[in-house]
Amino acid sequence: MKIAFLGPYASFTQLAASQLFPGRELLPQANILDCFNAVELGEADQAVVPLENSIEGTVSMTLDYLYKTSGIRIEAEAVMPIAHHLMVHPDCNTENLEKIYSHPQALAQSFHFLDSRFKEVPKQEYSSTAAAAKHISENPHRNLAAVANQFAADLYGLKIIHRNIQDIEQNHTRFIIISKKHEEYTNDALEVLGEKSGLLITLPEDYAGGLHQVLSVFAWRKMNLSKIESRTLKTGLGNYFFFINVVGRWESALHYNALEELAVLGTDTGFLGNYKEFLLKS
């Protein structure tokens, strides 16, 4: 079984994929679209991609490709605490750092620490935290640093000089497992945080009270919504689709009747599946 993930190696997504699929063949992908394509074309059985970060918010590309890629289901969600560390090559002179590299989100999430301790050191955005760590390892003659995870430090032989430099302690990223199967992912080694369903809803047209009507379908049935996210359809200003999470098991007649009522309202509703949410280690 092959599992695609948003690469490169030593990325946070690989760390998540390694825990979700221990011992499986992992295939790094250059971007989120490649992860979806790998599943759609049968090059991978499943893929692990980021959906949301507690500081930076929703990963918009993931929502867009959930909407655009037909037949894709969500098998599970997984939440992982994110710990950023500042690392250097073992031969680095840390008193004279030239530059600090990392992914834009990692730099943003550790902004206050870096600004207070290394204000004069230029910060350079890089394609990923793992790629930044790899770059540091390949330039031992320069006094460079990277913001990345423990996995990257171990893989590229770097020395961590400051641990847990993220500005907000409660920094978590939510990942999803996508596939074309209608199977339910299970892993007895991981803690289950809850259960939910994912829906993609497109209104027939933009009219006053349209979204209120949609939300009323869930409200009178006392179906709790944990997430409502709007994304542009890219067909003109004011045209959106909505990603909605419904808490709990999707099994009662009320749940299926909700889909029927949404159809009566003229919405285009895609059901992404009912799935569990797991807790991962950082």
Protein backbone atom coordinates (compact mmCIF):
# COMPACT_ATOMS: atom_id res chain seq x y z
CA MET A 1 0.00 0.00 0.00
CA LYS A 2 1.36 3.41 -1.03
CA ILE A 3 0.67 6.62 0.88
CA ALA A 4 1.26 10.02 -0.71
CA PHE A 5 2.04 12.98 1.53
CA LEU A 6 2.94 16.64 1.19
CA GLY A 7 6.73 16.49 1.12
CA PRO A 8 9.59 16.65 1.28
CA TYR A 9 10.94 14.07 3.73
CA ALA A 10 11.07 15.26 7.35
CA SER A 11 8.09 17.57 6.86
CA PHE A 12 5.37 17.73 9.50
CA THR A 13 3.08 15.94 7.07
CA GLN A 14 5.51 13.02 6.82
CA LEU A 15 5.64 12.91 10.61
CA ALA A 16 1.84 12.64 10.61
CA ALA A 17 1.80 10.05 7.80
CA SER A 18 4.42 7.92 9.59
CA GLN A 19 2.19 7.68 12.66
CA LEU A 20 -0.99 7.08 10.68
CA PHE A 21 0.58 4.45 8.41
CA PRO A 22 3.54 2.85 10.22
CA GLY A 23 5.58 0.59 7.97
CA ARG A 24 3.82 1.66 4.78
CA GLU A 25 5.56 3.05 1.69
CA LEU A 26 5.40 6.84 1.81
CA LEU A 27 5.57 8.88 -1.40
CA PRO A 28 6.56 12.56 -1.02
CA GLN A 29 4.72 15.00 -3.29
CA ALA A 30 5.80 18.49 -4.28
CA ASN A 31 2.45 20.13 -3.50
CA ILE A 32 -1.10 19.46 -2.34
CA LEU A 33 -2.45 19.11 -5.88
CA ASP A 34 0.06 16.32 -6.55
CA CYS A 35 -1.26 14.49 -3.46
CA PHE A 36 -4.82 14.62 -4.82
CA ASN A 37 -3.68 13.61 -8.30
CA ALA A 38 -1.72 10.64 -6.92
CA VAL A 39 -4.91 9.30 -5.32
CA GLU A 40 -7.17 10.12 -8.27
CA LEU A 41 -4.82 8.45 -10.77
CA GLY A 42 -4.26 5.38 -8.57
CA GLU A 43 -0.58 6.09 -7.97
CA ALA A 44 -1.28 6.05 -4.22
CA ASP A 45 -3.99 4.36 -2.18
CA GLN A 46 -4.32 7.27 0.22
CA ALA A 47 -2.77 10.67 0.84
CA VAL A 48 -2.13 12.77 3.94
CA VAL A 49 -2.49 16.54 3.54
CA PRO A 50 -2.80 19.45 5.99
CA LEU A 51 -6.27 20.94 6.44
CA GLU A 52 -5.91 23.55 9.18
CA ASN A 53 -3.47 25.15 11.61
CA SER A 54 -4.65 26.62 14.89
CA ILE A 55 -2.61 29.81 14.30
CA GLU A 56 -2.58 30.31 10.53
CA GLY A 57 -6.07 28.92 9.83
CA THR A 58 -7.42 26.73 7.03
CA VAL A 59 -5.19 25.50 4.20
CA SER A 60 -7.25 26.92 1.34
CA MET A 61 -5.66 24.73 -1.35
CA THR A 62 -6.82 21.58 0.44
CA LEU A 63 -10.43 22.81 0.50
CA ASP A 64 -10.25 23.82 -3.17
CA TYR A 65 -9.04 20.38 -4.28
CA LEU A 66 -11.58 18.60 -2.07
CA TYR A 67 -14.19 20.49 -4.06
CA LYS A 68 -12.62 20.06 -7.50
CA THR A 69 -11.49 16.42 -7.28
CA SER A 70 -14.44 14.11 -7.88
CA GLY A 71 -14.74 10.85 -5.98
CA ILE A 72 -12.39 11.85 -3.16
CA ARG A 73 -13.43 10.92 0.39
CA ILE A 74 -12.04 11.77 3.80
CA GLU A 75 -11.14 8.63 5.77
CA ALA A 76 -9.92 10.33 8.95
CA GLU A 77 -8.63 13.49 10.58
CA ALA A 78 -5.55 13.67 12.77
CA VAL A 79 -4.45 16.51 15.05
CA MET A 80 -0.75 16.94 15.85
CA PRO A 81 0.91 19.41 18.23
CA ILE A 82 3.45 21.49 16.31
CA ALA A 83 6.83 22.15 17.91
CA HIS A 84 9.30 24.42 16.11
CA HIS A 85 13.01 24.30 16.95
CA LEU A 86 15.90 26.50 15.85
CA MET A 87 18.71 24.34 14.51
CA VAL A 88 22.18 24.75 12.99
CA HIS A 89 24.98 22.65 11.57
CA PRO A 90 27.20 21.30 14.41
CA ASP A 91 30.12 23.38 13.08
CA CYS A 92 28.12 26.61 13.02
CA ASN A 93 29.26 29.69 14.94
CA THR A 94 25.94 30.60 16.55
CA GLU A 95 27.23 34.00 17.66
CA ASN A 96 27.38 35.18 14.03
CA LEU A 97 24.32 33.81 12.29
CA GLU A 98 23.99 35.02 8.70
CA LYS A 99 20.40 34.03 7.99
CA ILE A 100 17.47 31.98 9.32
CA TYR A 101 15.50 29.83 6.85
CA SER A 102 12.07 28.24 7.10
CA HIS A 103 8.60 27.94 5.63
CA PRO A 104 6.61 31.21 5.84
CA GLN A 105 4.14 29.71 8.33
CA ALA A 106 6.91 28.47 10.63
CA LEU A 107 8.56 31.90 10.56
CA ALA A 108 5.21 33.53 11.32
CA GLN A 109 4.47 31.11 14.15
CA SER A 110 7.83 31.84 15.82
CA PHE A 111 7.99 35.54 14.91
CA HIS A 112 8.18 37.00 18.42
CA PHE A 113 10.93 34.63 19.57
CA LEU A 114 13.04 35.28 16.48
CA ASP A 115 12.40 39.01 16.65
CA SER A 116 13.49 39.23 20.30
CA ARG A 117 16.53 36.95 20.11
CA PHE A 118 17.70 37.36 16.49
CA LYS A 119 16.23 40.68 15.39
CA GLU A 120 19.18 41.63 13.20
CA VAL A 121 19.45 38.26 11.46
CA PRO A 122 17.63 38.19 8.07
CA LYS A 123 14.77 35.72 7.78
CA GLN A 124 14.49 33.84 4.48
CA GLU A 125 11.30 32.06 3.40
CA TYR A 126 11.82 28.53 2.08
CA SER A 127 9.55 25.97 0.43
CA SER A 128 9.23 23.88 3.60
CA THR A 129 10.74 23.49 7.05
CA ALA A 130 12.36 20.23 5.98
CA ALA A 131 13.87 21.77 2.85
CA ALA A 132 15.27 24.58 5.01
CA ALA A 133 16.90 22.04 7.33
CA LYS A 134 18.35 20.17 4.34
CA HIS A 135 19.76 23.44 2.98
CA ILE A 136 21.52 24.10 6.30
CA SER A 137 23.05 20.62 6.29
CA GLU A 138 24.39 21.14 2.76
CA ASN A 139 26.13 24.41 3.66
CA PRO A 140 28.27 23.60 6.71
CA HIS A 141 30.76 26.35 5.84
CA ARG A 142 28.14 29.05 6.45
CA ASN A 143 26.58 30.18 9.73
CA LEU A 144 22.97 29.45 8.86
CA ALA A 145 19.99 28.34 10.94
CA ALA A 146 16.62 26.77 10.19
CA VAL A 147 13.28 26.55 11.97
CA ALA A 148 12.09 22.97 11.66
CA ASN A 149 11.05 19.89 13.66
CA GLN A 150 12.97 17.25 15.59
CA PHE A 151 12.53 14.78 12.72
CA ALA A 152 14.39 17.12 10.35
CA ALA A 153 17.18 17.72 12.87
CA ASP A 154 17.71 13.97 13.26
CA LEU A 155 17.53 13.26 9.52
CA TYR A 156 20.01 15.96 8.51
CA GLY A 157 22.35 15.78 11.52
CA LEU A 158 21.65 19.26 12.84
CA LYS A 159 22.05 20.63 16.35
CA ILE A 160 19.03 22.21 18.05
CA ILE A 161 20.05 25.40 19.85
CA HIS A 162 16.56 26.53 20.94
CA ARG A 163 13.55 24.27 21.46
CA ASN A 164 9.83 25.04 21.26
CA ILE A 165 10.22 28.54 19.88
CA GLN A 166 6.62 28.81 18.64
CA ASP A 167 4.95 31.93 20.03
CA ILE A 168 1.73 30.17 21.02
CA GLU A 169 2.01 26.94 22.99
CA GLN A 170 -1.29 25.56 21.70
CA ASN A 171 -0.08 25.24 18.13
CA HIS A 172 -1.73 22.31 16.34
CA THR A 173 -2.17 21.22 12.75
CA ARG A 174 -5.11 19.16 11.55
CA PHE A 175 -4.38 16.66 8.76
CA ILE A 176 -6.80 14.57 6.71
CA ILE A 177 -6.45 11.19 5.01
CA ILE A 178 -8.02 11.25 1.55
CA SER A 179 -8.81 8.30 -0.70
CA LYS A 180 -11.27 7.08 -3.33
CA LYS A 181 -12.45 4.27 -1.08
CA HIS A 182 -15.53 4.28 1.12
CA GLU A 183 -13.72 2.56 3.97
CA GLU A 184 -13.35 3.80 7.53
CA TYR A 185 -9.79 4.29 8.78
CA THR A 186 -8.99 2.73 12.16
CA ASN A 187 -5.82 2.67 14.24
CA ASP A 188 -5.96 1.16 17.74
CA ALA A 189 -2.58 2.68 18.59
CA LEU A 190 -3.93 6.24 18.37
CA GLU A 191 -6.25 8.11 20.73
CA VAL A 192 -9.66 8.92 19.23
CA LEU A 193 -10.76 12.52 19.89
CA GLY A 194 -14.18 12.33 18.30
CA GLU A 195 -16.17 11.71 15.16
CA LYS A 196 -17.57 13.98 12.46
CA SER A 197 -18.83 14.19 8.90
CA GLY A 198 -17.68 16.45 6.09
CA LEU A 199 -19.97 18.21 3.60
CA LEU A 200 -19.33 20.46 0.61
CA ILE A 201 -22.35 22.67 -0.10
CA THR A 202 -22.89 25.00 -3.04
CA LEU A 203 -25.92 27.31 -3.05
CA PRO A 204 -27.95 27.45 -6.28
CA GLU A 205 -27.53 31.25 -6.38
CA ASP A 206 -26.58 34.15 -4.15
CA TYR A 207 -29.79 35.35 -2.49
CA ALA A 208 -30.74 36.88 0.85
CA GLY A 209 -31.14 34.25 3.54
CA GLY A 210 -29.68 31.41 1.45
CA LEU A 211 -27.01 30.40 3.93
CA HIS A 212 -29.49 30.83 6.79
CA GLN A 213 -31.80 28.31 5.13
CA VAL A 214 -28.94 25.83 4.80
CA LEU A 215 -27.90 26.22 8.43
CA SER A 216 -31.52 25.86 9.55
CA VAL A 217 -31.51 22.35 8.07
CA PHE A 218 -29.00 21.38 10.76
CA ALA A 219 -30.27 23.67 13.52
CA TRP A 220 -33.79 22.31 13.95
CA ARG A 221 -32.41 18.77 13.93
CA LYS A 222 -29.97 19.81 16.69
CA MET A 223 -27.01 18.72 14.57
CA ASN A 224 -23.92 20.44 15.99
CA LEU A 225 -21.57 22.07 13.46
CA SER A 226 -17.90 22.36 14.45
CA LYS A 227 -16.69 24.13 11.30
CA ILE A 228 -18.15 26.33 8.56
CA GLU A 229 -15.67 27.61 5.98
CA SER A 230 -16.48 29.52 2.79
CA ARG A 231 -14.31 29.38 -0.31
CA THR A 232 -14.69 31.23 -3.57
CA LEU A 233 -15.78 29.22 -6.60
CA LYS A 234 -13.51 31.39 -8.74
CA THR A 235 -16.40 31.97 -11.15
CA GLY A 236 -17.08 35.55 -10.09
CA LEU A 237 -17.36 37.77 -7.06
CA GLY A 238 -19.86 36.54 -4.48
CA ASN A 239 -19.83 32.89 -5.63
CA TYR A 240 -18.83 30.49 -2.85
CA PHE A 241 -18.99 26.91 -1.67
CA PHE A 242 -19.05 25.92 2.00
CA PHE A 243 -17.13 23.21 3.84
CA ILE A 244 -19.10 22.06 6.88
CA ASN A 245 -18.28 19.60 9.67
CA VAL A 246 -21.17 17.94 11.50
CA VAL A 247 -20.21 16.50 14.90
CA GLY A 248 -21.00 12.87 15.74
CA ARG A 249 -21.94 9.68 13.96
CA TRP A 250 -23.83 10.03 10.67
CA GLU A 251 -26.37 7.25 10.93
CA SER A 252 -29.87 8.37 11.95
CA ALA A 253 -32.82 9.08 9.67
CA LEU A 254 -32.52 12.74 10.65
CA HIS A 255 -29.05 12.90 9.14
CA TYR A 256 -30.08 11.41 5.81
CA ASN A 257 -33.25 13.52 5.74
CA ALA A 258 -30.99 16.57 6.12
CA LEU A 259 -29.38 15.74 2.78
CA GLU A 260 -32.84 15.39 1.21
CA GLU A 261 -33.91 18.79 2.54
CA LEU A 262 -30.70 20.38 1.25
CA ALA A 263 -31.52 18.96 -2.19
CA VAL A 264 -35.03 20.43 -2.01
CA LEU A 265 -33.41 23.83 -1.34
CA GLY A 266 -31.55 23.42 -4.62
CA THR A 267 -28.07 23.06 -3.15
CA ASP A 268 -25.35 20.89 -4.63
CA THR A 269 -24.18 18.82 -1.66
CA GLY A 270 -21.15 16.53 -1.62
CA PHE A 271 -20.84 14.08 1.27
CA LEU A 272 -17.15 13.52 2.07
CA GLY A 273 -17.76 10.76 4.61
CA ASN A 274 -18.15 10.12 8.31
CA TYR A 275 -14.78 9.70 10.02
CA LYS A 276 -12.88 9.71 13.29
CA GLU A 277 -10.43 12.30 14.53
CA PHE A 278 -7.16 11.02 16.03
CA LEU A 279 -4.46 12.56 18.20
CA LEU A 280 -0.84 12.31 17.01
CA LYS A 281 2.45 12.96 18.77
CA SER A 282 4.69 15.90 17.86
